[in-house]
N, C-alpha and C. Protein backbone atom coordinates (compact mmCIF):
# COMPACT_ATOMS: atom_id res chain seq x y z
N UNK A 1 -11.58 3.21 -3.03
CA UNK A 1 -10.46 4.08 -2.73
C UNK A 1 -9.22 3.48 -3.38
N UNK A 2 -8.49 4.28 -4.10
CA UNK A 2 -7.24 3.81 -4.68
C UNK A 2 -6.18 4.89 -4.54
N UNK A 3 -4.94 4.47 -4.66
CA UNK A 3 -3.84 5.43 -4.56
C UNK A 3 -3.82 6.35 -5.77
N UNK A 4 -3.36 7.58 -5.53
CA UNK A 4 -3.06 8.46 -6.65
C UNK A 4 -1.92 7.79 -7.42
N UNK A 5 -1.90 7.96 -8.72
CA UNK A 5 -0.93 7.30 -9.59
C UNK A 5 0.50 7.36 -9.05
N UNK A 6 1.16 6.24 -9.06
CA UNK A 6 2.57 6.18 -8.69
C UNK A 6 2.87 5.63 -7.31
N UNK A 7 1.91 5.69 -6.39
CA UNK A 7 2.19 5.23 -5.03
C UNK A 7 2.38 3.72 -4.95
N UNK A 8 1.61 2.97 -5.71
CA UNK A 8 1.76 1.52 -5.70
C UNK A 8 3.15 1.10 -6.15
N UNK A 9 3.64 1.74 -7.21
CA UNK A 9 5.00 1.43 -7.69
C UNK A 9 6.05 1.84 -6.67
N UNK A 10 5.85 2.96 -6.02
CA UNK A 10 6.76 3.42 -4.98
C UNK A 10 6.86 2.38 -3.87
N UNK A 11 5.71 1.88 -3.42
CA UNK A 11 5.69 0.90 -2.34
C UNK A 11 6.31 -0.43 -2.77
N UNK A 12 6.04 -0.85 -4.00
CA UNK A 12 6.66 -2.07 -4.52
C UNK A 12 8.18 -1.93 -4.50
N UNK A 13 8.67 -0.79 -4.94
CA UNK A 13 10.11 -0.54 -4.94
C UNK A 13 10.70 -0.61 -3.54
N UNK A 14 10.01 -0.07 -2.56
CA UNK A 14 10.48 -0.11 -1.17
C UNK A 14 10.57 -1.55 -0.67
N UNK A 15 9.58 -2.37 -1.01
CA UNK A 15 9.59 -3.77 -0.59
C UNK A 15 10.76 -4.51 -1.23
N UNK A 16 10.96 -4.30 -2.50
CA UNK A 16 12.04 -4.96 -3.22
C UNK A 16 13.40 -4.50 -2.68
N UNK A 17 13.55 -3.21 -2.39
CA UNK A 17 14.80 -2.69 -1.82
C UNK A 17 15.17 -3.42 -0.53
N UNK A 18 14.15 -3.82 0.22
CA UNK A 18 14.39 -4.50 1.49
C UNK A 18 14.54 -6.01 1.32
N UNK A 19 14.49 -6.47 0.07
CA UNK A 19 14.70 -7.88 -0.21
C UNK A 19 13.54 -8.78 0.21
N UNK A 20 12.36 -8.23 0.30
CA UNK A 20 11.20 -9.01 0.73
C UNK A 20 10.33 -9.41 -0.45
N UNK A 21 9.92 -10.67 -0.46
CA UNK A 21 8.92 -11.10 -1.43
C UNK A 21 7.55 -10.74 -0.87
N UNK A 22 6.55 -10.79 -1.71
CA UNK A 22 5.19 -10.54 -1.24
C UNK A 22 4.82 -11.58 -0.19
N UNK A 23 5.19 -12.83 -0.44
CA UNK A 23 4.87 -13.90 0.51
C UNK A 23 5.52 -13.63 1.87
N UNK A 24 6.78 -13.24 1.88
CA UNK A 24 7.48 -12.99 3.15
C UNK A 24 6.87 -11.80 3.88
N UNK A 25 6.53 -10.74 3.15
CA UNK A 25 5.90 -9.57 3.77
C UNK A 25 4.54 -9.95 4.36
N UNK A 26 3.82 -10.81 3.66
CA UNK A 26 2.53 -11.28 4.16
C UNK A 26 2.71 -12.03 5.48
N UNK A 27 3.69 -12.90 5.52
CA UNK A 27 3.97 -13.66 6.75
C UNK A 27 4.37 -12.73 7.90
N UNK A 28 5.16 -11.73 7.57
CA UNK A 28 5.68 -10.79 8.58
C UNK A 28 4.59 -9.88 9.15
N UNK A 29 3.63 -9.49 8.31
CA UNK A 29 2.63 -8.50 8.70
C UNK A 29 1.25 -9.05 8.99
N UNK A 30 0.96 -10.25 8.47
CA UNK A 30 -0.39 -10.79 8.60
C UNK A 30 -1.35 -10.25 7.56
N UNK A 31 -0.84 -9.45 6.62
CA UNK A 31 -1.68 -8.93 5.53
C UNK A 31 -1.73 -10.00 4.44
N UNK A 32 -2.92 -10.41 4.02
CA UNK A 32 -3.02 -11.43 2.98
C UNK A 32 -2.30 -11.04 1.70
N UNK A 33 -1.74 -12.04 1.03
CA UNK A 33 -1.00 -11.81 -0.22
C UNK A 33 -1.83 -11.01 -1.21
N UNK A 34 -3.09 -11.36 -1.36
CA UNK A 34 -3.97 -10.67 -2.32
C UNK A 34 -4.05 -9.17 -1.99
N UNK A 35 -4.13 -8.84 -0.70
CA UNK A 35 -4.21 -7.44 -0.30
C UNK A 35 -2.91 -6.70 -0.61
N UNK A 36 -1.78 -7.36 -0.38
CA UNK A 36 -0.49 -6.74 -0.71
C UNK A 36 -0.41 -6.47 -2.21
N UNK A 37 -0.83 -7.45 -3.00
CA UNK A 37 -0.84 -7.26 -4.46
C UNK A 37 -1.72 -6.07 -4.85
N UNK A 38 -2.88 -5.96 -4.23
CA UNK A 38 -3.79 -4.85 -4.54
C UNK A 38 -3.20 -3.50 -4.11
N UNK A 39 -2.55 -3.46 -2.94
CA UNK A 39 -1.90 -2.23 -2.48
C UNK A 39 -0.85 -1.81 -3.50
N UNK A 40 -0.02 -2.76 -3.93
CA UNK A 40 1.07 -2.43 -4.84
C UNK A 40 0.61 -2.08 -6.24
N UNK A 41 -0.56 -2.57 -6.63
CA UNK A 41 -1.14 -2.17 -7.92
C UNK A 41 -1.85 -0.83 -7.82
N UNK A 42 -2.07 -0.39 -6.57
CA UNK A 42 -2.83 0.84 -6.38
C UNK A 42 -4.31 0.61 -6.56
N UNK A 43 -4.71 -0.65 -6.57
CA UNK A 43 -6.10 -1.04 -6.79
C UNK A 43 -6.94 -0.70 -5.56
N UNK A 44 -8.12 -0.25 -5.78
CA UNK A 44 -9.00 0.11 -4.68
C UNK A 44 -9.75 -1.06 -4.09
N UNK A 45 -9.56 -2.25 -4.64
CA UNK A 45 -10.33 -3.41 -4.18
C UNK A 45 -9.53 -4.25 -3.20
N UNK A 46 -10.20 -4.73 -2.18
CA UNK A 46 -9.65 -5.78 -1.34
C UNK A 46 -8.62 -5.39 -0.31
N UNK A 47 -8.47 -4.14 0.00
CA UNK A 47 -7.55 -3.78 1.07
C UNK A 47 -8.15 -2.66 1.89
N UNK A 48 -7.65 -2.53 3.10
CA UNK A 48 -8.19 -1.54 4.02
C UNK A 48 -7.07 -0.65 4.54
N UNK A 49 -7.44 0.41 5.19
CA UNK A 49 -6.45 1.28 5.80
C UNK A 49 -5.67 0.53 6.87
N UNK A 50 -6.33 -0.39 7.56
CA UNK A 50 -5.66 -1.23 8.56
C UNK A 50 -4.56 -2.07 7.90
N UNK A 51 -4.87 -2.69 6.77
CA UNK A 51 -3.87 -3.48 6.06
C UNK A 51 -2.74 -2.61 5.53
N UNK A 52 -3.06 -1.42 5.05
CA UNK A 52 -2.02 -0.51 4.57
C UNK A 52 -1.09 -0.13 5.72
N UNK A 53 -1.67 0.13 6.88
CA UNK A 53 -0.87 0.49 8.06
C UNK A 53 0.07 -0.65 8.43
N UNK A 54 -0.43 -1.88 8.42
CA UNK A 54 0.41 -3.05 8.72
C UNK A 54 1.49 -3.21 7.66
N UNK A 55 1.14 -3.01 6.41
CA UNK A 55 2.09 -3.10 5.30
C UNK A 55 3.24 -2.11 5.52
N UNK A 56 2.89 -0.85 5.79
CA UNK A 56 3.91 0.18 6.00
C UNK A 56 4.77 -0.13 7.22
N UNK A 57 4.14 -0.60 8.28
CA UNK A 57 4.88 -0.95 9.50
C UNK A 57 5.86 -2.09 9.21
N UNK A 58 5.43 -3.07 8.43
CA UNK A 58 6.29 -4.19 8.05
C UNK A 58 7.52 -3.76 7.28
N UNK A 59 7.38 -2.67 6.54
CA UNK A 59 8.51 -2.14 5.77
C UNK A 59 9.22 -1.00 6.49
N UNK A 60 8.73 -0.69 7.70
CA UNK A 60 9.30 0.40 8.50
C UNK A 60 9.27 1.73 7.73
N UNK A 61 8.13 1.98 7.10
CA UNK A 61 7.92 3.22 6.35
C UNK A 61 6.89 4.05 7.10
N UNK A 62 7.27 5.24 7.57
CA UNK A 62 6.27 6.09 8.21
C UNK A 62 5.29 6.64 7.17
N UNK A 63 4.05 6.80 7.58
CA UNK A 63 3.04 7.33 6.66
C UNK A 63 3.49 8.67 6.08
N UNK A 64 4.21 9.44 6.86
CA UNK A 64 4.68 10.76 6.39
C UNK A 64 5.61 10.63 5.18
N UNK A 65 6.26 9.48 5.01
CA UNK A 65 7.16 9.30 3.86
C UNK A 65 6.39 9.13 2.56
N UNK A 66 5.16 8.66 2.64
CA UNK A 66 4.39 8.50 1.40
C UNK A 66 3.35 9.59 1.22
N UNK A 67 3.26 10.49 2.20
CA UNK A 67 2.27 11.55 2.13
C UNK A 67 2.86 12.80 1.48
N UNK A 68 2.31 13.23 0.35
CA UNK A 68 2.80 14.43 -0.32
C UNK A 68 2.42 15.69 0.46
N UNK A 69 2.97 16.80 0.04
CA UNK A 69 2.71 18.07 0.73
C UNK A 69 1.24 18.41 0.83
N UNK A 70 0.47 18.08 -0.21
CA UNK A 70 -0.96 18.40 -0.15
C UNK A 70 -1.76 17.38 0.67
N UNK A 71 -1.08 16.30 1.10
CA UNK A 71 -1.71 15.31 1.96
C UNK A 71 -2.63 14.33 1.24
N UNK A 72 -2.71 14.42 -0.08
CA UNK A 72 -3.63 13.56 -0.82
C UNK A 72 -2.88 12.35 -1.37
N UNK A 73 -3.19 11.18 -0.84
CA UNK A 73 -2.58 9.97 -1.37
C UNK A 73 -3.63 9.01 -1.94
N UNK A 74 -4.90 9.30 -1.68
CA UNK A 74 -5.97 8.44 -2.17
C UNK A 74 -6.90 9.20 -3.09
N UNK A 75 -7.47 8.48 -4.01
CA UNK A 75 -8.49 9.02 -4.89
C UNK A 75 -9.78 8.27 -4.54
N UNK A 76 -10.79 8.97 -4.09
CA UNK A 76 -12.05 8.33 -3.70
C UNK A 76 -13.17 8.81 -4.61
N UNK A 77 -14.01 7.87 -5.00
CA UNK A 77 -15.16 8.22 -5.83
C UNK A 77 -16.40 7.65 -5.19
N UNK A 78 -17.47 8.39 -5.27
CA UNK A 78 -18.76 7.88 -4.77
C UNK A 78 -19.31 6.89 -5.77
N UNK A 79 -20.02 5.92 -5.25
CA UNK A 79 -20.64 4.93 -6.11
C UNK A 79 -21.54 5.61 -7.14
N UNK A 80 -21.44 5.16 -8.37
CA UNK A 80 -22.30 5.71 -9.41
C UNK A 80 -21.80 7.01 -10.02
N UNK A 81 -20.62 7.46 -9.62
CA UNK A 81 -20.10 8.72 -10.18
C UNK A 81 -18.81 8.49 -10.89
C-alpha cells in the first residue's frame, strides 16, 4: 500500500512547517524513524495504518485534511499484479 502521488510531500511539508525533525517526531509519536521516512516518501514498505495515525496525531492533522473528495489516498496492488 502506498500513497497516491503527492501525499508524502504534503506530509513532509506539514512536519517542516511545525519545525519538527524526523527524529523529534519519532520521539514524540513512538513511530520509528524508518517508518516516518517511508510515510514521507509515500513508500508502501515498512509502515502501517497505526503508524500513520500516530504520525498524523503527532502533527495534529485530522485524517479528513489529507483525504480528498473521492476518499482515495492509498494505491493498493495485489501481489503478482
